[in-house]
Amino acid sequence: MNANDRTPADLLRSALASDPGRPLVTFYDDATGERVELSVATFANWVAKTANLLQGDLSAEPGDRAVLLLPAHWQTAVWLLACSSVGVVADVGGDPASADLVVSGPDSLDAARACSGERIALALRPLGGRFPQPPDGFADYAVEVPGQGDRFAPYAPVDPDEVALVVDGVELTGAEVVARAREDAGRLGRPGGGEGGVRVLSGLSYGTWDGLSAGLFAALAGGGSVVLCRNLERLGDGGLEKRVEDERVGVVRR
């Protein structure tokens, strides 16, 4: 944990410098059987490419508002950190009509069309796959992001005291996100007294702070990792217990 970290993007940079090979996000979709594991380095590469897409192709600037109409998913986590890298406000589940740009999953495209700015669509298919046919009026993230640069540098420094995140109607600055994440990481603890942070299994929505913290931010702040589960209710009897054992989970949030 680096005491100088003031934004979520700072937390990711510190994690990358500390141990780039450790798992950060392991994602399950129990409706499709998908499992994806991203190390800190792989996750940071996706974040860099997405931040370059935001800043370059989409001309996003610090203070712009990006409404994220997305479920708890590894690609949503990428977008949250990409927004922080550029200085764009990530408004989770906000009103697309008031946004500078919108990022939508396949189930919220109609609502996303209320945005008069840039519109990005995520198919949320296994392996980051494309839409079979790009939605009308949207750029397909899976088409646009692969060609982006693997390193990112913001055009302007990101101010940690500016709003970085809006969730459940609450605005948080970058510094406030980091402070909350550190507090939550401390409460989660380090089971067994070992080195490194706790591994958290989360089936919570990203539509609340608790869901965002358990499913991403506390792991970044505390040197831990996340097992992010979508459609967890689809697991059969004994499935959760087996996953907890297989993934060496220390804390379950659902």
C-alpha atoms as a PDB file:
ATOM      1  CA  MET A   1       0.000   0.000   0.000  1.00  0.00           C
ATOM      2  CA  ASN A   2       1.507   3.334  -1.113  1.00  0.00           C
ATOM      3  CA  ALA A   3       0.597   6.258   1.152  1.00  0.00           C
ATOM      4  CA  ASN A   4       1.047   8.658  -1.778  1.00  0.00           C
ATOM      5  CA  ASP A   5      -1.755   7.101  -3.828  1.00  0.00           C
ATOM      6  CA  ARG A   6      -4.571   9.637  -4.224  1.00  0.00           C
ATOM      7  CA  THR A   7      -6.682   8.248  -7.083  1.00  0.00           C
ATOM      8  CA  PRO A   8      -7.883   4.760  -8.090  1.00  0.00           C
ATOM      9  CA  ALA A   9      -5.466   4.913 -11.039  1.00  0.00           C
ATOM     10  CA  ASP A  10      -2.639   5.513  -8.551  1.00  0.00           C
ATOM     11  CA  LEU A  11      -3.664   2.341  -6.696  1.00  0.00           C
ATOM     12  CA  LEU A  12      -3.391   0.352  -9.905  1.00  0.00           C
ATOM     13  CA  ARG A  13       0.032   1.808 -10.720  1.00  0.00           C
ATOM     14  CA  SER A  14       1.282   0.844  -7.269  1.00  0.00           C
ATOM     15  CA  ALA A  15      -0.097  -2.687  -7.636  1.00  0.00           C
ATOM     16  CA  LEU A  16       1.637  -2.977 -11.012  1.00  0.00           C
ATOM     17  CA  ALA A  17       4.951  -1.828  -9.562  1.00  0.00           C
ATOM     18  CA  SER A  18       4.644  -4.146  -6.562  1.00  0.00           C
ATOM     19  CA  ASP A  19       3.597  -7.490  -8.063  1.00  0.00           C
ATOM     20  CA  PRO A  20       2.427  -7.408 -11.689  1.00  0.00           C
ATOM     21  CA  GLY A  21       2.007 -11.168 -11.961  1.00  0.00           C
ATOM     22  CA  ARG A  22      -0.421 -11.738  -9.108  1.00  0.00           C
ATOM     23  CA  PRO A  23      -4.100 -12.368  -9.873  1.00  0.00           C
ATOM     24  CA  LEU A  24      -6.274  -9.274  -9.479  1.00  0.00           C
ATOM     25  CA  VAL A  25      -9.687 -10.096 -10.988  1.00  0.00           C
ATOM     26  CA  THR A  26     -11.081 -13.577 -11.586  1.00  0.00           C
ATOM     27  CA  PHE A  27     -14.471 -13.364 -13.279  1.00  0.00           C
ATOM     28  CA  TYR A  28     -17.200 -15.996 -13.487  1.00  0.00           C
ATOM     29  CA  ASP A  29     -20.472 -15.826 -15.389  1.00  0.00           C
ATOM     30  CA  ASP A  30     -22.547 -18.701 -14.096  1.00  0.00           C
ATOM     31  CA  ALA A  31     -25.105 -18.264 -16.879  1.00  0.00           C
ATOM     32  CA  THR A  32     -22.531 -19.026 -19.594  1.00  0.00           C
ATOM     33  CA  GLY A  33     -19.810 -20.984 -17.768  1.00  0.00           C
ATOM     34  CA  GLU A  34     -17.239 -18.286 -18.544  1.00  0.00           C
ATOM     35  CA  ARG A  35     -14.150 -17.928 -16.343  1.00  0.00           C
ATOM     36  CA  VAL A  36     -11.506 -15.275 -16.951  1.00  0.00           C
ATOM     37  CA  GLU A  37      -8.492 -14.555 -14.762  1.00  0.00           C
ATOM     38  CA  LEU A  38      -6.585 -11.304 -15.111  1.00  0.00           C
ATOM     39  CA  SER A  39      -3.264 -10.602 -13.453  1.00  0.00           C
ATOM     40  CA  VAL A  40      -2.442  -7.067 -12.379  1.00  0.00           C
ATOM     41  CA  ALA A  41      -0.356  -6.655 -15.545  1.00  0.00           C
ATOM     42  CA  THR A  42      -3.071  -7.934 -17.886  1.00  0.00           C
ATOM     43  CA  PHE A  43      -5.739  -5.832 -16.191  1.00  0.00           C
ATOM     44  CA  ALA A  44      -3.511  -2.738 -16.363  1.00  0.00           C
ATOM     45  CA  ASN A  45      -2.962  -3.343 -20.079  1.00  0.00           C
ATOM     46  CA  TRP A  46      -6.725  -3.373 -20.688  1.00  0.00           C
ATOM     47  CA  VAL A  47      -7.017  -0.188 -18.629  1.00  0.00           C
ATOM     48  CA  ALA A  48      -4.281   1.544 -20.646  1.00  0.00           C
ATOM     49  CA  LYS A  49      -5.890   0.611 -23.958  1.00  0.00           C
ATOM     50  CA  THR A  50      -9.304   1.763 -22.761  1.00  0.00           C
ATOM     51  CA  ALA A  51      -7.909   5.025 -21.388  1.00  0.00           C
ATOM     52  CA  ASN A  52      -6.236   5.677 -24.749  1.00  0.00           C
ATOM     53  CA  LEU A  53      -9.583   5.031 -26.462  1.00  0.00           C
ATOM     54  CA  LEU A  54     -11.273   7.480 -24.088  1.00  0.00           C
ATOM     55  CA  GLN A  55      -8.694  10.239 -24.378  1.00  0.00           C
ATOM     56  CA  GLY A  56      -7.804   9.804 -28.033  1.00  0.00           C
ATOM     57  CA  ASP A  57     -10.635   8.486 -30.165  1.00  0.00           C
ATOM     58  CA  LEU A  58     -13.466   9.716 -27.925  1.00  0.00           C
ATOM     59  CA  SER A  59     -11.797  13.054 -27.018  1.00  0.00           C
ATOM     60  CA  ALA A  60     -12.786  12.692 -23.362  1.00  0.00           C
ATOM     61  CA  GLU A  61     -11.358  15.285 -20.976  1.00  0.00           C
ATOM     62  CA  PRO A  62     -11.041  15.588 -17.196  1.00  0.00           C
ATOM     63  CA  GLY A  63     -14.429  16.440 -15.730  1.00  0.00           C
ATOM     64  CA  ASP A  64     -16.421  14.811 -18.530  1.00  0.00           C
ATOM     65  CA  ARG A  65     -19.095  12.418 -17.291  1.00  0.00           C
ATOM     66  CA  ALA A  66     -19.262   8.826 -18.534  1.00  0.00           C
ATOM     67  CA  VAL A  67     -22.396   6.928 -17.558  1.00  0.00           C
ATOM     68  CA  LEU A  68     -21.675   3.211 -17.182  1.00  0.00           C
ATOM     69  CA  LEU A  69     -24.741   1.071 -17.803  1.00  0.00           C
ATOM     70  CA  LEU A  70     -22.933  -2.167 -17.056  1.00  0.00           C
ATOM     71  CA  PRO A  71     -23.201  -5.102 -14.642  1.00  0.00           C
ATOM     72  CA  ALA A  72     -20.492  -6.278 -12.255  1.00  0.00           C
ATOM     73  CA  HIS A  73     -18.072  -7.606 -14.890  1.00  0.00           C
ATOM     74  CA  TRP A  74     -14.333  -7.568 -15.460  1.00  0.00           C
ATOM     75  CA  GLN A  75     -14.739  -5.140 -18.365  1.00  0.00           C
ATOM     76  CA  THR A  76     -16.713  -2.778 -16.140  1.00  0.00           C
ATOM     77  CA  ALA A  77     -13.804  -2.823 -13.692  1.00  0.00           C
ATOM     78  CA  VAL A  78     -11.516  -1.892 -16.584  1.00  0.00           C
ATOM     79  CA  TRP A  79     -13.718   1.067 -17.511  1.00  0.00           C
ATOM     80  CA  LEU A  80     -13.791   2.327 -13.926  1.00  0.00           C
ATOM     81  CA  LEU A  81     -10.001   2.476 -13.809  1.00  0.00           C
ATOM     82  CA  ALA A  82      -9.727   3.875 -17.344  1.00  0.00           C
ATOM     83  CA  CYS A  83     -12.030   6.747 -16.382  1.00  0.00           C
ATOM     84  CA  SER A  84      -9.879   7.422 -13.335  1.00  0.00           C
ATOM     85  CA  SER A  85      -6.746   7.409 -15.491  1.00  0.00           C
ATOM     86  CA  VAL A  86      -8.128  10.151 -17.754  1.00  0.00           C
ATOM     87  CA  GLY A  87      -9.936  12.139 -15.053  1.00  0.00           C
ATOM     88  CA  VAL A  88     -13.379  11.307 -16.431  1.00  0.00           C
ATOM     89  CA  VAL A  89     -16.191  10.946 -13.886  1.00  0.00           C
ATOM     90  CA  ALA A  90     -17.498   7.357 -13.866  1.00  0.00           C
ATOM     91  CA  ASP A  91     -21.241   7.599 -13.161  1.00  0.00           C
ATOM     92  CA  VAL A  92     -22.432   4.058 -12.436  1.00  0.00           C
ATOM     93  CA  GLY A  93     -26.019   3.593 -13.556  1.00  0.00           C
ATOM     94  CA  GLY A  94     -26.577   7.326 -14.047  1.00  0.00           C
ATOM     95  CA  ASP A  95     -28.781   9.196 -16.507  1.00  0.00           C
ATOM     96  CA  PRO A  96     -27.413   8.880 -20.050  1.00  0.00           C
ATOM     97  CA  ALA A  97     -29.275  12.035 -21.134  1.00  0.00           C
ATOM     98  CA  SER A  98     -26.962  14.138 -18.937  1.00  0.00           C
ATOM     99  CA  ALA A  99     -23.742  12.339 -19.881  1.00  0.00           C
ATOM    100  CA  ASP A 100     -20.910  13.335 -22.189  1.00  0.00           C
ATOM    101  CA  LEU A 101     -20.590   9.687 -23.185  1.00  0.00           C
ATOM    102  CA  VAL A 102     -22.241   6.409 -22.314  1.00  0.00           C
ATOM    103  CA  VAL A 103     -20.883   2.871 -22.042  1.00  0.00           C
ATOM    104  CA  SER A 104     -23.594   0.243 -22.294  1.00  0.00           C
ATOM    105  CA  GLY A 105     -23.988  -3.492 -22.062  1.00  0.00           C
ATOM    106  CA  PRO A 106     -26.293  -5.349 -24.459  1.00  0.00           C
ATOM    107  CA  ASP A 107     -29.313  -5.104 -22.166  1.00  0.00           C
ATOM    108  CA  SER A 108     -29.349  -1.316 -21.791  1.00  0.00           C
ATOM    109  CA  LEU A 109     -28.824  -0.078 -25.342  1.00  0.00           C
ATOM    110  CA  ASP A 110     -32.264   1.538 -25.626  1.00  0.00           C
ATOM    111  CA  ALA A 111     -31.709   3.582 -22.471  1.00  0.00           C
ATOM    112  CA  ALA A 112     -28.191   4.500 -23.596  1.00  0.00           C
ATOM    113  CA  ARG A 113     -29.504   6.117 -26.773  1.00  0.00           C
ATOM    114  CA  ALA A 114     -30.640   9.067 -24.643  1.00  0.00           C
ATOM    115  CA  CYS A 115     -26.985  10.178 -24.598  1.00  0.00           C
ATOM    116  CA  SER A 116     -26.266  12.767 -27.283  1.00  0.00           C
ATOM    117  CA  GLY A 117     -22.520  12.225 -26.994  1.00  0.00           C
ATOM    118  CA  GLU A 118     -20.300   9.262 -27.789  1.00  0.00           C
ATOM    119  CA  ARG A 119     -21.804   5.821 -27.253  1.00  0.00           C
ATOM    120  CA  ILE A 120     -19.800   2.649 -26.674  1.00  0.00           C
ATOM    121  CA  ALA A 121     -21.382  -0.809 -26.514  1.00  0.00           C
ATOM    122  CA  LEU A 122     -19.948  -3.883 -24.812  1.00  0.00           C
ATOM    123  CA  ALA A 123     -21.222  -7.288 -25.895  1.00  0.00           C
ATOM    124  CA  LEU A 124     -19.964  -8.838 -22.612  1.00  0.00           C
ATOM    125  CA  ARG A 125     -19.355 -12.067 -24.492  1.00  0.00           C
ATOM    126  CA  PRO A 126     -16.757 -14.643 -23.410  1.00  0.00           C
ATOM    127  CA  LEU A 127     -13.157 -13.674 -24.192  1.00  0.00           C
ATOM    128  CA  GLY A 128     -14.236 -10.079 -24.799  1.00  0.00           C
ATOM    129  CA  GLY A 129     -15.972 -11.014 -28.046  1.00  0.00           C
ATOM    130  CA  ARG A 130     -17.661  -8.630 -30.481  1.00  0.00           C
ATOM    131  CA  PHE A 131     -21.297  -8.152 -31.245  1.00  0.00           C
ATOM    132  CA  PRO A 132     -22.362 -10.329 -34.199  1.00  0.00           C
ATOM    133  CA  GLN A 133     -23.675  -7.065 -35.659  1.00  0.00           C
ATOM    134  CA  PRO A 134     -22.658  -3.712 -34.113  1.00  0.00           C
ATOM    135  CA  PRO A 135     -25.641  -1.929 -32.516  1.00  0.00           C
ATOM    136  CA  ASP A 136     -26.885   1.039 -34.528  1.00  0.00           C
ATOM    137  CA  GLY A 137     -25.468   4.289 -33.175  1.00  0.00           C
ATOM    138  CA  PHE A 138     -22.738   2.658 -31.065  1.00  0.00           C
ATOM    139  CA  ALA A 139     -19.060   1.862 -31.447  1.00  0.00           C
ATOM    140  CA  ASP A 140     -18.273  -1.748 -30.519  1.00  0.00           C
ATOM    141  CA  TYR A 141     -15.709  -1.712 -27.716  1.00  0.00           C
ATOM    142  CA  ALA A 142     -14.295  -5.086 -28.775  1.00  0.00           C
ATOM    143  CA  VAL A 143     -13.578  -3.652 -32.233  1.00  0.00           C
ATOM    144  CA  GLU A 144     -12.154  -0.326 -31.076  1.00  0.00           C
ATOM    145  CA  VAL A 145      -9.921  -1.271 -28.136  1.00  0.00           C
ATOM    146  CA  PRO A 146      -7.434  -3.885 -29.470  1.00  0.00           C
ATOM    147  CA  GLY A 147      -5.528  -1.397 -31.632  1.00  0.00           C
ATOM    148  CA  GLN A 148      -5.039   1.126 -28.831  1.00  0.00           C
ATOM    149  CA  GLY A 149      -1.659   1.718 -27.244  1.00  0.00           C
ATOM    150  CA  ASP A 150      -0.433  -0.451 -24.367  1.00  0.00           C
ATOM    151  CA  ARG A 151       0.819   2.521 -22.368  1.00  0.00           C
ATOM    152  CA  PHE A 152      -1.157   5.524 -21.279  1.00  0.00           C
ATOM    153  CA  ALA A 153      -0.198   9.059 -20.256  1.00  0.00           C
ATOM    154  CA  PRO A 154      -2.897  11.631 -19.516  1.00  0.00           C
ATOM    155  CA  TYR A 155      -2.779  14.942 -21.372  1.00  0.00           C
ATOM    156  CA  ALA A 156      -3.413  16.709 -18.062  1.00  0.00           C
ATOM    157  CA  PRO A 157      -2.722  15.591 -14.466  1.00  0.00           C
ATOM    158  CA  VAL A 158      -5.732  14.067 -12.722  1.00  0.00           C
ATOM    159  CA  ASP A 159      -6.811  16.110  -9.686  1.00  0.00           C
ATOM    160  CA  PRO A 160      -7.552  13.764  -6.756  1.00  0.00           C
ATOM    161  CA  ASP A 161      -9.872  16.367  -5.236  1.00  0.00           C
ATOM    162  CA  GLU A 162     -12.216  16.424  -8.230  1.00  0.00           C
ATOM    163  CA  VAL A 163     -15.212  14.098  -8.510  1.00  0.00           C
ATOM    164  CA  ALA A 164     -14.106  10.712  -9.868  1.00  0.00           C
ATOM    165  CA  LEU A 165     -17.038   8.403  -9.149  1.00  0.00           C
ATOM    166  CA  VAL A 166     -20.799   8.625  -8.785  1.00  0.00           C
ATOM    167  CA  VAL A 167     -22.559   5.573  -7.377  1.00  0.00           C
ATOM    168  CA  ASP A 168     -26.072   5.321  -5.990  1.00  0.00           C
ATOM    169  CA  GLY A 169     -26.354   9.098  -6.334  1.00  0.00           C
ATOM    170  CA  VAL A 170     -23.275   9.832  -4.173  1.00  0.00           C
ATOM    171  CA  GLU A 171     -20.362  11.781  -5.650  1.00  0.00           C
ATOM    172  CA  LEU A 172     -16.868  10.819  -4.503  1.00  0.00           C
ATOM    173  CA  THR A 173     -13.558  12.442  -5.342  1.00  0.00           C
ATOM    174  CA  GLY A 174     -10.609  10.284  -6.297  1.00  0.00           C
ATOM    175  CA  ALA A 175      -9.100  10.829  -2.858  1.00  0.00           C
ATOM    176  CA  GLU A 176     -12.365   9.834  -1.189  1.00  0.00           C
ATOM    177  CA  VAL A 177     -12.560   6.634  -3.242  1.00  0.00           C
ATOM    178  CA  VAL A 178      -9.032   5.723  -2.159  1.00  0.00           C
ATOM    179  CA  ALA A 179      -9.727   6.534   1.507  1.00  0.00           C
ATOM    180  CA  ARG A 180     -12.920   4.461   1.549  1.00  0.00           C
ATOM    181  CA  ALA A 181     -11.201   1.582  -0.239  1.00  0.00           C
ATOM    182  CA  ARG A 182      -8.361   1.579   2.283  1.00  0.00           C
ATOM    183  CA  GLU A 183     -10.802   1.522   5.190  1.00  0.00           C
ATOM    184  CA  ASP A 184     -12.684  -1.398   3.643  1.00  0.00           C
ATOM    185  CA  ALA A 185      -9.465  -3.278   2.924  1.00  0.00           C
ATOM    186  CA  GLY A 186      -8.479  -2.872   6.571  1.00  0.00           C
ATOM    187  CA  ARG A 187     -11.807  -4.295   7.726  1.00  0.00           C
ATOM    188  CA  LEU A 188     -11.465  -7.287   5.403  1.00  0.00           C
ATOM    189  CA  GLY A 189      -8.120  -8.101   7.012  1.00  0.00           C
ATOM    190  CA  ARG A 190      -5.578 -10.730   6.087  1.00  0.00           C
ATOM    191  CA  PRO A 191      -6.827 -14.148   7.179  1.00  0.00           C
ATOM    192  CA  GLY A 192      -4.137 -16.321   8.692  1.00  0.00           C
ATOM    193  CA  GLY A 193      -1.813 -13.367   9.142  1.00  0.00           C
ATOM    194  CA  GLY A 194      -0.110 -14.076   5.812  1.00  0.00           C
ATOM    195  CA  GLU A 195       1.366 -11.578   3.412  1.00  0.00           C
ATOM    196  CA  GLY A 196      -0.789  -9.935   0.803  1.00  0.00           C
ATOM    197  CA  GLY A 197      -4.414  -8.928   0.895  1.00  0.00           C
ATOM    198  CA  VAL A 198      -7.484 -11.065   1.224  1.00  0.00           C
ATOM    199  CA  ARG A 199      -9.153 -12.800  -1.725  1.00  0.00           C
ATOM    200  CA  VAL A 200     -12.787 -11.696  -1.852  1.00  0.00           C
ATOM    201  CA  LEU A 201     -15.599 -13.477  -3.675  1.00  0.00           C
ATOM    202  CA  SER A 202     -18.299 -10.960  -4.579  1.00  0.00           C
ATOM    203  CA  GLY A 203     -21.704 -11.554  -6.080  1.00  0.00           C
ATOM    204  CA  LEU A 204     -22.786  -7.977  -5.338  1.00  0.00           C
ATOM    205  CA  SER A 205     -23.985  -5.470  -7.916  1.00  0.00           C
ATOM    206  CA  TYR A 206     -21.677  -2.645  -8.952  1.00  0.00           C
ATOM    207  CA  GLY A 207     -24.616  -0.300  -8.360  1.00  0.00           C
ATOM    208  CA  THR A 208     -23.590   0.399  -4.742  1.00  0.00           C
ATOM    209  CA  TRP A 209     -20.369   1.393  -3.017  1.00  0.00           C
ATOM    210  CA  ASP A 210     -20.342  -1.943  -1.173  1.00  0.00           C
ATOM    211  CA  GLY A 211     -20.427  -3.788  -4.485  1.00  0.00           C
ATOM    212  CA  LEU A 212     -17.708  -1.654  -6.068  1.00  0.00           C
ATOM    213  CA  SER A 213     -15.490  -1.960  -3.013  1.00  0.00           C
ATOM    214  CA  ALA A 214     -15.891  -5.719  -2.549  1.00  0.00           C
ATOM    215  CA  GLY A 215     -15.642  -6.298  -6.290  1.00  0.00           C
ATOM    216  CA  LEU A 216     -12.653  -4.057  -7.071  1.00  0.00           C
ATOM    217  CA  PHE A 217     -11.481  -1.102  -5.003  1.00  0.00           C
ATOM    218  CA  ALA A 218     -10.726  -2.761  -1.658  1.00  0.00           C
ATOM    219  CA  ALA A 219      -8.573  -5.353  -3.439  1.00  0.00           C
ATOM    220  CA  LEU A 220      -6.592  -2.616  -5.155  1.00  0.00           C
ATOM    221  CA  ALA A 221      -6.130  -0.684  -1.930  1.00  0.00           C
ATOM    222  CA  GLY A 222      -5.206  -3.697   0.195  1.00  0.00           C
ATOM    223  CA  GLY A 223      -3.078  -5.774  -2.142  1.00  0.00           C
ATOM    224  CA  GLY A 224      -5.775  -8.423  -2.466  1.00  0.00           C
ATOM    225  CA  SER A 225      -7.735  -9.966  -5.296  1.00  0.00           C
ATOM    226  CA  VAL A 226     -11.338 -10.451  -6.371  1.00  0.00           C
ATOM    227  CA  VAL A 227     -13.422 -13.389  -7.545  1.00  0.00           C
ATOM    228  CA  LEU A 228     -16.210 -11.488  -9.276  1.00  0.00           C
ATOM    229  CA  CYS A 229     -19.304 -13.610  -9.890  1.00  0.00           C
ATOM    230  CA  ARG A 230     -22.160 -12.746 -12.214  1.00  0.00           C
ATOM    231  CA  ASN A 231     -25.385 -14.780 -12.035  1.00  0.00           C
ATOM    232  CA  LEU A 232     -24.175 -16.439  -8.855  1.00  0.00           C
ATOM    233  CA  GLU A 233     -27.727 -17.665  -8.187  1.00  0.00           C
ATOM    234  CA  ARG A 234     -27.271 -20.119 -11.070  1.00  0.00           C
ATOM    235  CA  LEU A 235     -24.784 -22.183  -9.069  1.00  0.00           C
ATOM    236  CA  GLY A 236     -26.171 -25.514  -7.945  1.00  0.00           C
ATOM    237  CA  ASP A 237     -26.090 -27.019  -4.463  1.00  0.00           C
ATOM    238  CA  GLY A 238     -22.598 -26.953  -3.043  1.00  0.00           C
ATOM    239  CA  GLY A 239     -21.313 -24.849  -5.941  1.00  0.00           C
ATOM    240  CA  LEU A 240     -20.442 -21.814  -3.882  1.00  0.00           C
ATOM    241  CA  GLU A 241     -18.598 -23.839  -1.264  1.00  0.00           C
ATOM    242  CA  LYS A 242     -16.568 -25.562  -3.986  1.00  0.00           C
ATOM    243  CA  ARG A 243     -15.672 -22.262  -5.620  1.00  0.00           C
ATOM    244  CA  VAL A 244     -14.594 -20.785  -2.305  1.00  0.00           C
ATOM    245  CA  GLU A 245     -12.298 -23.767  -1.790  1.00  0.00           C
ATOM    246  CA  ASP A 246     -10.996 -23.900  -5.364  1.00  0.00           C
ATOM    247  CA  GLU A 247     -10.283 -20.162  -5.512  1.00  0.00           C
ATOM    248  CA  ARG A 248      -8.872 -19.978  -1.963  1.00  0.00           C
ATOM    249  CA  VAL A 249     -11.373 -17.278  -1.029  1.00  0.00           C
ATOM    250  CA  GLY A 250     -11.039 -15.628   2.376  1.00  0.00           C
ATOM    251  CA  VAL A 251     -14.206 -13.479   2.384  1.00  0.00           C
ATOM    252  CA  VAL A 252     -17.562 -13.947   0.651  1.00  0.00           C
ATOM    253  CA  ARG A 253     -19.852 -10.987  -0.103  1.00  0.00           C
ATOM    254  CA  ARG A 254     -23.212 -11.649  -1.724  1.00  0.00           C
END
